[in-house]
Amino acid sequence: MPKTKSDAWLTLVNQDPVFPGPVLSHADSVLWHWLAAFNMHTPYMERNKLHPWANPKGKRVVEVLRSLIYRCTPLRMGIWDERLFVAPPAWPHTMDPMKAFGLKEPPTPYEAACALLVAPVTTNFWGFRNIPSLARSVTFWWLAGMPEEGILGFLREHPLTKGKGSATVIPGLLEDYFRHAMQSRKFKIWALGSNPVPACANRLTARLVKEVLNGELKGAVQSPRPEKRAWDTFFEHPYIKSQFRTGIRRCAIPRKLYRPGVVWETVEDKLKWTRERGEPQRQLQITTEWLERRVWRRPDWIRTLEFPSEEESRVILGA
């Protein structure tokens, strides 16, 4: 198997036997590059006017990713599927939330996507360590809506998939990723989704927890500062310890959506975007039609992304 690199998106792509070695080993790709390469603009991108191709380095990465899409079957299949870059509605039914998160009410896939696919502040905001690279890459693509059949297409010659299907392989990798992610205290308290006030013994603790949950604390809470002692005391509080011990959250509060709209929340939201008929939508339709002329047959698992006809577009624009 080819060696993989740290890029959370390309690690999975590098598993495709079509490529003799790692691709894009000289640059890192981020979610915005992939969205631009697929000619898709999620609500977060449009709201914040993100243009990852606006600088020479970003433009080069987008161009290389587009060439991968044309050459790589799982990516080419994904662009036709209406689920791509739409957060899955639920976790796989064979995934055990207690095994993955240690929680009976874990974050939804959309909540996790808004927290993980692009970090709240700095790249290593959560302070994750030693997360298996393949588990991370599969989790990112799964949260970004890549159909499970497409993910397995990358892994068709990987030892993990020998004699197995998506019912065991993908849930197992998701569980592996979140088991490691829950070792980060920042991520752990966010994932719990419980009112922290009963465990805040003083103003310093309350300020720390607020900054973490709001995505404002950039670095780690280091010792021997008073903040580190307050942070440790917070996690030793019986109110917090009992919830992690039982997996049952008390006093539930909404989890912070750090980057709402980083992917579409529902397929309906994405289809609404495709009907707007702006330049990205037109380019996406042109690309899918161009690719379709070069494929004999689409797999049965694809849920085809439909575009409005010219007449329907005129009606939509005139509405």
Protein backbone atom coordinates (compact mmCIF):
# COMPACT_ATOMS: atom_id res chain seq x y z
CA MET A 1 0.00 0.00 0.00
CA PRO A 2 1.23 3.55 -0.64
CA LYS A 3 2.32 5.62 2.28
CA THR A 4 -0.18 8.25 3.35
CA LYS A 5 0.36 11.79 4.55
CA SER A 6 -1.24 13.80 7.28
CA ASP A 7 -3.81 15.56 5.06
CA ALA A 8 -7.18 14.48 6.45
CA TRP A 9 -8.77 14.40 2.98
CA LEU A 10 -6.04 12.89 0.84
CA THR A 11 -5.22 10.01 3.18
CA LEU A 12 -8.30 8.13 1.94
CA VAL A 13 -7.73 9.13 -1.71
CA ASN A 14 -4.17 7.80 -1.45
CA GLN A 15 -5.59 4.33 -0.74
CA ASP A 16 -7.04 4.08 -4.24
CA PRO A 17 -4.99 1.48 -6.13
CA VAL A 18 -5.35 3.66 -9.25
CA PHE A 19 -2.58 5.86 -7.84
CA PRO A 20 0.88 4.24 -7.66
CA GLY A 21 1.97 6.55 -4.83
CA PRO A 22 0.78 9.43 -2.65
CA VAL A 23 -0.82 12.30 -4.54
CA LEU A 24 -0.35 15.96 -3.70
CA SER A 25 2.52 15.12 -1.36
CA HIS A 26 3.76 18.71 -1.64
CA ALA A 27 0.64 20.49 -0.39
CA ASP A 28 -2.23 20.14 2.05
CA SER A 29 -5.84 20.25 0.94
CA VAL A 30 -8.65 21.55 3.13
CA LEU A 31 -12.42 21.30 2.82
CA TRP A 32 -12.68 24.58 0.88
CA HIS A 33 -10.31 23.26 -1.82
CA TRP A 34 -12.46 20.16 -2.32
CA LEU A 35 -15.70 22.13 -2.46
CA ALA A 36 -14.19 24.45 -5.07
CA ALA A 37 -12.84 21.49 -7.05
CA PHE A 38 -16.36 20.00 -7.14
CA ASN A 39 -17.84 23.43 -8.07
CA MET A 40 -19.95 23.47 -4.91
CA HIS A 41 -20.44 26.37 -2.51
CA THR A 42 -21.91 25.51 0.86
CA PRO A 43 -23.81 28.12 2.90
CA TYR A 44 -20.75 28.86 5.05
CA MET A 45 -18.62 29.53 1.95
CA GLU A 46 -21.20 31.85 0.44
CA ARG A 47 -21.90 33.63 3.71
CA ASN A 48 -18.20 34.32 4.32
CA LYS A 49 -17.32 34.86 0.63
CA LEU A 50 -14.58 32.21 0.65
CA HIS A 51 -12.65 31.86 -2.61
CA PRO A 52 -9.93 29.21 -2.11
CA TRP A 53 -8.77 29.59 -5.73
CA ALA A 54 -8.12 33.35 -5.35
CA ASN A 55 -4.39 32.90 -4.62
CA PRO A 56 -1.83 31.01 -6.74
CA LYS A 57 -1.27 28.23 -4.19
CA GLY A 58 -5.00 27.63 -3.64
CA LYS A 59 -5.67 27.72 -7.37
CA ARG A 60 -2.99 25.11 -7.96
CA VAL A 61 -4.41 22.80 -5.27
CA VAL A 62 -7.94 23.13 -6.70
CA GLU A 63 -6.68 22.34 -10.21
CA VAL A 64 -4.87 19.20 -9.01
CA LEU A 65 -7.92 18.05 -7.06
CA ARG A 66 -10.10 18.49 -10.14
CA SER A 67 -7.73 16.28 -12.11
CA LEU A 68 -8.07 13.66 -9.35
CA ILE A 69 -11.87 13.84 -9.58
CA TYR A 70 -11.71 13.10 -13.32
CA ARG A 71 -9.30 10.17 -12.82
CA CYS A 72 -10.60 8.64 -9.60
CA THR A 73 -13.77 6.55 -9.85
CA PRO A 74 -15.07 7.04 -6.25
CA LEU A 75 -14.67 10.84 -6.56
CA ARG A 76 -16.26 10.84 -10.01
CA MET A 77 -19.20 8.84 -8.69
CA GLY A 78 -19.52 11.15 -5.70
CA ILE A 79 -19.98 14.30 -7.78
CA TRP A 80 -23.17 12.79 -9.26
CA ASP A 81 -24.65 11.94 -5.88
CA GLU A 82 -26.98 14.43 -4.22
CA ARG A 83 -25.63 13.41 -0.79
CA LEU A 84 -22.07 14.68 -1.40
CA PHE A 85 -21.27 17.52 1.05
CA VAL A 86 -24.55 16.93 2.87
CA ALA A 87 -24.13 15.77 6.47
CA PRO A 88 -25.61 12.28 6.98
CA PRO A 89 -28.94 12.40 8.86
CA ALA A 90 -27.84 9.83 11.47
CA TRP A 91 -24.93 7.67 12.54
CA PRO A 92 -24.70 4.18 10.99
CA HIS A 93 -27.13 1.87 12.76
CA THR A 94 -24.30 -0.60 13.42
CA MET A 95 -22.18 2.04 15.15
CA ASP A 96 -22.29 1.93 18.95
CA PRO A 97 -22.52 5.51 20.38
CA MET A 98 -21.27 4.32 23.76
CA LYS A 99 -18.29 2.63 22.14
CA ALA A 100 -17.47 5.69 20.01
CA PHE A 101 -18.30 8.60 22.32
CA GLY A 102 -19.05 7.00 25.67
CA LEU A 103 -22.37 8.88 25.42
CA LYS A 104 -25.93 7.73 24.88
CA GLU A 105 -26.81 11.07 23.23
CA PRO A 106 -23.77 11.90 21.09
CA PRO A 107 -23.59 14.91 18.74
CA THR A 108 -25.45 14.50 15.47
CA PRO A 109 -23.36 14.06 12.30
CA TYR A 110 -24.19 17.65 11.31
CA GLU A 111 -23.07 18.98 14.70
CA ALA A 112 -19.86 16.96 14.43
CA ALA A 113 -19.25 18.23 10.88
CA CYS A 114 -19.59 21.85 12.01
CA ALA A 115 -17.06 21.21 14.78
CA LEU A 116 -14.51 19.03 13.01
CA LEU A 117 -14.32 19.49 9.24
CA VAL A 118 -12.85 22.96 9.78
CA ALA A 119 -11.49 23.70 13.27
CA PRO A 120 -13.23 26.49 15.24
CA VAL A 121 -10.14 28.72 15.50
CA THR A 122 -6.67 27.27 14.92
CA THR A 123 -6.00 24.00 13.11
CA ASN A 124 -5.20 22.15 16.32
CA PHE A 125 -7.86 23.84 18.46
CA TRP A 126 -9.09 20.52 19.83
CA GLY A 127 -5.61 19.27 20.69
CA PHE A 128 -6.17 15.83 19.16
CA ARG A 129 -3.24 13.42 19.39
CA ASN A 130 -2.42 10.06 17.86
CA ILE A 131 -5.65 9.76 15.89
CA PRO A 132 -5.18 7.05 13.22
CA SER A 133 -4.87 8.84 9.89
CA LEU A 134 -7.16 6.48 7.94
CA ALA A 135 -9.88 6.65 10.61
CA ARG A 136 -9.68 10.45 10.52
CA SER A 137 -9.87 10.60 6.73
CA VAL A 138 -12.81 8.18 6.50
CA THR A 139 -14.62 10.12 9.25
CA PHE A 140 -14.11 13.43 7.46
CA TRP A 141 -15.35 12.10 4.12
CA TRP A 142 -18.28 10.37 5.80
CA LEU A 143 -19.27 13.56 7.68
CA ALA A 144 -18.95 15.44 4.37
CA GLY A 145 -21.55 13.17 2.81
CA MET A 146 -19.45 10.88 0.63
CA PRO A 147 -21.68 7.79 0.15
CA GLU A 148 -20.40 4.74 1.99
CA GLU A 149 -20.12 2.84 -1.29
CA GLY A 150 -17.79 5.58 -2.54
CA ILE A 151 -15.63 5.37 0.59
CA LEU A 152 -15.38 1.60 0.21
CA GLY A 153 -14.34 2.17 -3.41
CA PHE A 154 -11.10 3.73 -2.14
CA LEU A 155 -10.53 0.80 0.20
CA ARG A 156 -11.35 -2.01 -2.22
CA GLU A 157 -7.80 -3.45 -1.91
CA HIS A 158 -7.18 -2.46 1.71
CA PRO A 159 -6.81 -5.33 4.22
CA LEU A 160 -9.61 -3.80 6.31
CA THR A 161 -12.21 -4.53 3.66
CA LYS A 162 -11.36 -8.11 2.80
CA GLY A 163 -14.64 -10.00 3.04
CA LYS A 164 -16.35 -7.08 4.75
CA GLY A 165 -18.84 -4.37 3.80
CA SER A 166 -19.81 -0.89 4.91
CA ALA A 167 -21.87 -2.35 7.78
CA THR A 168 -18.68 -3.15 9.69
CA VAL A 169 -15.74 -1.31 8.10
CA ILE A 170 -16.99 2.27 8.19
CA PRO A 171 -18.68 2.14 11.63
CA GLY A 172 -15.50 0.59 13.01
CA LEU A 173 -13.34 3.43 11.65
CA LEU A 174 -15.80 6.05 12.92
CA GLU A 175 -15.75 4.48 16.38
CA ASP A 176 -11.95 4.41 16.31
CA TYR A 177 -11.77 8.10 15.39
CA PHE A 178 -14.18 9.30 18.07
CA ARG A 179 -12.64 7.09 20.78
CA HIS A 180 -9.40 8.99 20.20
CA ALA A 181 -11.16 12.36 19.81
CA MET A 182 -12.87 11.94 23.18
CA GLN A 183 -9.44 11.95 24.83
CA SER A 184 -9.39 15.71 24.18
CA ARG A 185 -11.05 17.45 27.11
CA LYS A 186 -12.16 20.31 24.90
CA PHE A 187 -13.95 18.01 22.51
CA LYS A 188 -15.23 15.84 25.34
CA ILE A 189 -17.07 18.65 27.15
CA TRP A 190 -18.45 19.98 23.85
CA ALA A 191 -19.68 16.52 22.82
CA LEU A 192 -21.38 16.02 26.20
CA GLY A 193 -23.73 18.93 25.52
CA SER A 194 -24.61 19.47 29.17
CA ASN A 195 -24.99 22.70 31.13
CA PRO A 196 -21.55 23.14 32.80
CA VAL A 197 -22.61 25.74 35.39
CA PRO A 198 -23.18 23.30 38.32
CA ALA A 199 -19.50 22.24 38.05
CA CYS A 200 -18.09 25.76 37.87
CA ALA A 201 -16.89 26.49 41.40
CA ASN A 202 -15.64 30.01 40.68
CA ARG A 203 -15.46 32.73 38.03
CA LEU A 204 -12.14 31.49 36.68
CA THR A 205 -13.59 28.04 35.95
CA ALA A 206 -16.73 29.55 34.43
CA ARG A 207 -14.65 31.80 32.16
CA LEU A 208 -12.44 28.91 31.04
CA VAL A 209 -15.34 26.62 30.22
CA LYS A 210 -17.17 29.41 28.41
CA GLU A 211 -14.11 30.18 26.27
CA VAL A 212 -13.68 26.51 25.38
CA LEU A 213 -17.34 25.93 24.50
CA ASN A 214 -17.45 29.15 22.47
CA GLY A 215 -14.33 28.16 20.53
CA GLU A 216 -12.36 31.13 21.85
CA LEU A 217 -9.51 29.43 23.74
CA LYS A 218 -6.86 28.88 21.10
CA GLY A 219 -4.20 27.01 23.03
CA ALA A 220 -4.12 24.19 25.53
CA VAL A 221 -4.75 24.81 29.21
CA GLN A 222 -1.22 24.44 30.57
CA SER A 223 0.11 23.90 34.09
CA PRO A 224 1.11 25.21 36.57
CA ARG A 225 -1.13 28.19 35.95
CA PRO A 226 -4.30 28.64 38.04
CA GLU A 227 -6.31 27.96 34.89
CA LYS A 228 -4.91 24.42 34.70
CA ARG A 229 -5.89 23.72 38.31
CA ALA A 230 -9.39 25.09 37.69
CA TRP A 231 -9.71 22.98 34.51
CA ASP A 232 -8.67 19.81 36.36
CA THR A 233 -11.06 20.54 39.22
CA PHE A 234 -13.92 21.04 36.78
CA PHE A 235 -13.47 17.55 35.29
CA GLU A 236 -13.20 16.00 38.76
CA HIS A 237 -16.54 17.48 39.84
CA PRO A 238 -19.08 14.69 40.58
CA TYR A 239 -21.62 16.38 38.29
CA ILE A 240 -19.27 16.00 35.30
CA LYS A 241 -17.68 12.67 36.26
CA SER A 242 -21.03 10.95 36.74
CA GLN A 243 -22.21 11.95 33.26
CA PHE A 244 -19.11 10.54 31.59
CA ARG A 245 -19.25 7.42 33.75
CA THR A 246 -22.87 6.65 32.83
CA GLY A 247 -22.96 8.24 29.36
CA ILE A 248 -26.16 10.09 30.34
CA ARG A 249 -26.15 13.86 30.04
CA ARG A 250 -28.07 15.97 32.49
CA CYS A 251 -29.36 19.51 31.89
CA ALA A 252 -28.93 19.23 28.10
CA ILE A 253 -28.04 22.42 26.23
CA PRO A 254 -27.64 23.01 22.46
CA ARG A 255 -24.12 22.20 21.27
CA LYS A 256 -22.25 25.10 19.71
CA LEU A 257 -22.25 25.03 15.90
CA TYR A 258 -18.83 26.58 15.29
CA ARG A 259 -19.16 26.80 11.52
CA PRO A 260 -22.84 26.36 10.63
CA GLY A 261 -23.35 25.52 7.00
CA VAL A 262 -19.84 24.15 6.49
CA VAL A 263 -21.74 21.38 4.68
CA TRP A 264 -25.44 21.30 3.84
CA GLU A 265 -27.60 20.05 6.69
CA THR A 266 -30.11 18.25 4.45
CA VAL A 267 -30.36 17.08 0.85
CA GLU A 268 -33.28 19.50 0.43
CA ASP A 269 -30.95 22.40 1.31
CA LYS A 270 -28.47 21.31 -1.35
CA LEU A 271 -31.16 20.87 -4.00
CA LYS A 272 -32.43 24.35 -3.21
CA TRP A 273 -28.91 25.64 -3.88
CA THR A 274 -28.67 23.81 -7.23
CA ARG A 275 -31.92 25.47 -8.35
CA GLU A 276 -30.49 28.95 -7.86
CA ARG A 277 -28.64 28.62 -11.19
CA GLY A 278 -25.64 30.82 -10.41
CA GLU A 279 -22.21 30.38 -11.99
CA PRO A 280 -21.07 27.56 -9.62
CA GLN A 281 -24.29 25.66 -10.31
CA ARG A 282 -23.87 26.01 -14.07
CA GLN A 283 -20.24 24.85 -13.88
CA LEU A 284 -21.26 21.88 -11.73
CA GLN A 285 -23.90 20.84 -14.25
CA ILE A 286 -21.46 21.20 -17.16
CA THR A 287 -18.89 19.08 -15.29
CA THR A 288 -21.34 16.31 -14.40
CA GLU A 289 -22.63 16.15 -17.98
CA TRP A 290 -19.07 16.07 -19.36
CA LEU A 291 -18.14 13.22 -17.00
CA GLU A 292 -21.34 11.33 -17.77
CA ARG A 293 -20.45 11.11 -21.45
CA ARG A 294 -17.31 9.22 -20.44
CA VAL A 295 -18.95 6.60 -18.23
CA TRP A 296 -20.74 3.50 -19.48
CA ARG A 297 -23.06 3.10 -16.54
CA ARG A 298 -23.66 4.65 -13.15
CA PRO A 299 -23.74 2.33 -10.13
CA ASP A 300 -27.18 1.58 -8.73
CA TRP A 301 -26.32 3.11 -5.35
CA ILE A 302 -25.98 6.65 -6.69
CA ARG A 303 -28.79 9.06 -5.83
CA THR A 304 -28.54 11.25 -8.87
CA LEU A 305 -28.16 14.99 -8.37
CA GLU A 306 -30.86 16.56 -10.52
CA PHE A 307 -30.67 19.99 -12.12
CA PRO A 308 -33.66 22.09 -13.22
CA SER A 309 -34.35 22.36 -16.94
CA GLU A 310 -33.91 25.68 -18.72
CA GLU A 311 -37.66 26.26 -18.54
CA GLU A 312 -37.74 25.48 -14.83
CA SER A 313 -34.77 27.80 -14.30
CA ARG A 314 -36.63 30.67 -15.98
CA VAL A 315 -39.62 30.04 -13.73
CA ILE A 316 -37.39 29.98 -10.63
CA LEU A 317 -35.58 33.18 -11.64
CA GLY A 318 -38.85 34.89 -12.41
CA ALA A 319 -40.48 33.82 -9.12
